[in-house]
Amino acid sequence: MSTVVETVTAIVDPILTAHHFSLADLEFVKEGGSWYLRVYIDKPGGITLNECVMVSEELSEKLDQTEPDPIPQAYFLEVSSPGAERPLKTEADYQAAVNDYIHISLFAKLNGKKVFEGTLLELTDTELTLELKDKARRYQQTFTRANIASARLAIEF
């Protein structure tokens, strides 16, 4: 359903720009028997519930006015903040996360593990380096970006 995502992105971008918000993510997924259009928005300092409601109302109105209907099937529209553990999808997301604590999942095991959490120290086009903790010991580990299945901000405990 990438055409739905592309079409809705083009519709929501001017709304977000007008309010000085950014699009963190957008997905159109089927869960159970229902379709969901999820729009994750953000701004410096975070997004409020009232701002999510405002964008939801404006986007809903624009979607209703768009011909041909970009989403002919019934769906639920959800507009929210990406949250404290927002996904890292774009290069800008990764750049903004340098020096932050992140969680990565790998496609293939490295040293017997597929999941790592640590502080993102360095980032290149092909690799990223995390500072990891193993009990009281801290060490650096470099990961090939092509082996990263997903990444997100994480909360350090």
Protein backbone atom coordinates (compact mmCIF):
# COMPACT_ATOMS: atom_id res chain seq x y z
CA MET A 1 0.00 0.00 0.00
CA SER A 2 2.88 2.37 -0.66
CA THR A 3 0.69 4.45 -2.97
CA VAL A 4 -1.58 5.25 -0.01
CA VAL A 5 1.46 6.24 2.07
CA GLU A 6 2.85 8.41 -0.74
CA THR A 7 -0.52 10.06 -1.43
CA VAL A 8 -1.26 10.77 2.23
CA THR A 9 2.29 12.05 2.79
CA ALA A 10 1.73 14.61 0.00
CA ILE A 11 -1.57 15.64 1.62
CA VAL A 12 -0.31 15.87 5.22
CA ASP A 13 3.03 17.61 4.51
CA PRO A 14 1.50 21.08 3.84
CA ILE A 15 -0.64 20.79 6.98
CA LEU A 16 2.40 19.98 9.09
CA THR A 17 4.53 22.67 7.46
CA ALA A 18 1.87 25.30 8.20
CA HIS A 19 2.07 24.41 11.91
CA HIS A 20 5.88 23.96 12.00
CA PHE A 21 5.55 20.24 12.71
CA SER A 22 7.42 17.40 11.03
CA LEU A 23 6.33 13.99 9.82
CA ALA A 24 8.12 11.34 11.89
CA ASP A 25 6.44 8.37 10.22
CA LEU A 26 3.33 7.32 8.33
CA GLU A 27 1.97 3.82 7.90
CA PHE A 28 -1.10 2.18 6.41
CA VAL A 29 -1.50 -1.28 7.89
CA LYS A 30 -4.11 -3.98 8.32
CA GLU A 31 -4.42 -5.36 11.84
CA GLY A 32 -7.03 -8.00 12.51
CA GLY A 33 -9.83 -7.13 10.14
CA SER A 34 -9.32 -3.35 10.21
CA TRP A 35 -7.13 -0.89 8.31
CA TYR A 36 -5.23 1.83 10.19
CA LEU A 37 -3.70 5.01 8.82
CA ARG A 38 -1.16 6.08 11.44
CA VAL A 39 0.49 9.46 11.21
CA TYR A 40 3.29 10.22 13.67
CA ILE A 41 4.11 13.92 14.02
CA ASP A 42 6.71 15.80 16.00
CA LYS A 43 8.29 19.17 16.69
CA PRO A 44 11.17 20.38 18.85
CA GLY A 45 10.10 19.97 22.46
CA GLY A 46 7.50 17.34 21.58
CA ILE A 47 3.93 17.32 20.35
CA THR A 48 0.81 17.80 22.49
CA LEU A 49 -2.48 15.93 22.45
CA ASN A 50 -4.30 19.08 21.25
CA GLU A 51 -1.85 19.38 18.34
CA CYS A 52 -2.52 15.76 17.39
CA VAL A 53 -6.27 16.42 17.45
CA MET A 54 -5.84 19.54 15.30
CA VAL A 55 -3.79 17.69 12.67
CA SER A 56 -6.22 14.76 12.74
CA GLU A 57 -9.18 17.05 12.05
CA GLU A 58 -7.40 18.94 9.26
CA LEU A 59 -6.08 15.77 7.63
CA SER A 60 -9.46 14.04 7.88
CA GLU A 61 -11.11 16.98 6.13
CA LYS A 62 -8.48 17.01 3.36
CA LEU A 63 -8.74 13.26 2.84
CA ASP A 64 -12.54 13.53 2.57
CA GLN A 65 -12.16 16.24 -0.10
CA THR A 66 -9.53 14.41 -2.17
CA GLU A 67 -10.76 12.92 -5.46
CA PRO A 68 -10.29 10.16 -6.34
CA ASP A 69 -10.51 8.81 -2.81
CA PRO A 70 -6.94 7.82 -1.85
CA ILE A 71 -8.25 5.21 0.62
CA PRO A 72 -11.47 3.62 -0.69
CA GLN A 73 -11.75 1.04 2.10
CA ALA A 74 -12.85 1.85 5.66
CA TYR A 75 -9.97 2.74 7.99
CA PHE A 76 -9.15 4.30 11.33
CA LEU A 77 -7.08 7.50 11.33
CA GLU A 78 -4.62 7.82 14.22
CA VAL A 79 -2.42 10.89 14.67
CA SER A 80 0.10 10.76 17.49
CA SER A 81 3.58 11.57 18.71
CA PRO A 82 6.29 9.06 17.78
CA GLY A 83 6.92 8.71 21.52
CA ALA A 84 10.03 8.52 23.63
CA GLU A 85 11.19 5.42 21.77
CA ARG A 86 10.62 6.75 18.28
CA PRO A 87 11.93 4.72 15.37
CA LEU A 88 15.05 5.80 13.50
CA LYS A 89 14.20 5.51 9.84
CA THR A 90 15.75 8.38 7.93
CA GLU A 91 19.33 9.59 7.82
CA ALA A 92 18.17 12.74 9.66
CA ASP A 93 16.74 10.54 12.43
CA TYR A 94 20.10 8.79 12.85
CA GLN A 95 22.02 12.08 12.76
CA ALA A 96 19.74 13.56 15.44
CA ALA A 97 20.30 10.46 17.61
CA VAL A 98 24.09 10.79 17.83
CA ASN A 99 24.98 10.79 21.56
CA ASP A 100 21.55 9.33 22.41
CA TYR A 101 20.80 5.89 23.83
CA ILE A 102 19.35 3.65 21.09
CA HIS A 103 18.11 0.11 20.53
CA ILE A 104 19.05 -1.81 17.38
CA SER A 105 17.91 -5.17 16.05
CA LEU A 106 20.09 -6.99 13.54
CA PHE A 107 19.19 -9.25 10.63
CA ALA A 108 21.98 -11.66 11.56
CA LYS A 109 23.54 -12.43 14.94
CA LEU A 110 26.74 -10.71 15.99
CA ASN A 111 28.61 -12.38 18.86
CA GLY A 112 25.54 -14.57 19.42
CA LYS A 113 23.10 -11.63 19.78
CA LYS A 114 20.67 -9.83 17.50
CA VAL A 115 19.61 -7.01 19.87
CA PHE A 116 21.86 -4.28 21.30
CA GLU A 117 21.31 -1.08 23.27
CA GLY A 118 23.86 1.65 23.79
CA THR A 119 24.85 5.23 23.15
CA LEU A 120 25.27 6.10 19.48
CA LEU A 121 28.79 7.51 19.30
CA GLU A 122 29.62 7.61 15.59
CA LEU A 123 27.78 7.32 12.33
CA THR A 124 29.04 6.89 8.78
CA ASP A 125 27.29 5.95 5.55
CA THR A 126 28.06 2.27 6.14
CA GLU A 127 28.55 1.83 9.90
CA LEU A 128 27.52 3.03 13.32
CA THR A 129 29.34 2.69 16.61
CA LEU A 130 27.63 2.20 19.96
CA GLU A 131 29.03 2.38 23.45
CA LEU A 132 27.66 -0.72 25.14
CA LYS A 133 27.59 -1.80 28.79
CA ASP A 134 28.22 -5.31 30.04
CA LYS A 135 27.68 -5.13 33.80
CA ALA A 136 30.28 -2.57 34.92
CA ARG A 137 32.37 -2.74 31.74
CA ARG A 138 31.84 -0.25 28.91
CA TYR A 139 33.08 -0.96 25.40
CA GLN A 140 32.53 0.17 21.83
CA GLN A 141 31.04 -2.00 19.09
CA THR A 142 30.75 -1.07 15.42
CA PHE A 143 27.81 -2.37 13.37
CA THR A 144 27.37 -2.53 9.61
CA ARG A 145 24.29 -0.47 8.78
CA ALA A 146 23.20 -3.00 6.15
CA ASN A 147 22.83 -5.58 8.97
CA ILE A 148 20.48 -3.34 11.02
CA ALA A 149 16.87 -4.49 10.70
CA SER A 150 15.45 -1.70 12.86
CA ALA A 151 16.55 1.04 15.20
CA ARG A 152 14.81 3.29 17.67
CA LEU A 153 15.54 5.61 20.54
CA ALA A 154 15.55 3.78 23.88
CA ILE A 155 15.22 4.67 27.52
CA GLU A 156 18.30 3.81 29.55
CA PHE A 157 17.64 2.17 32.89
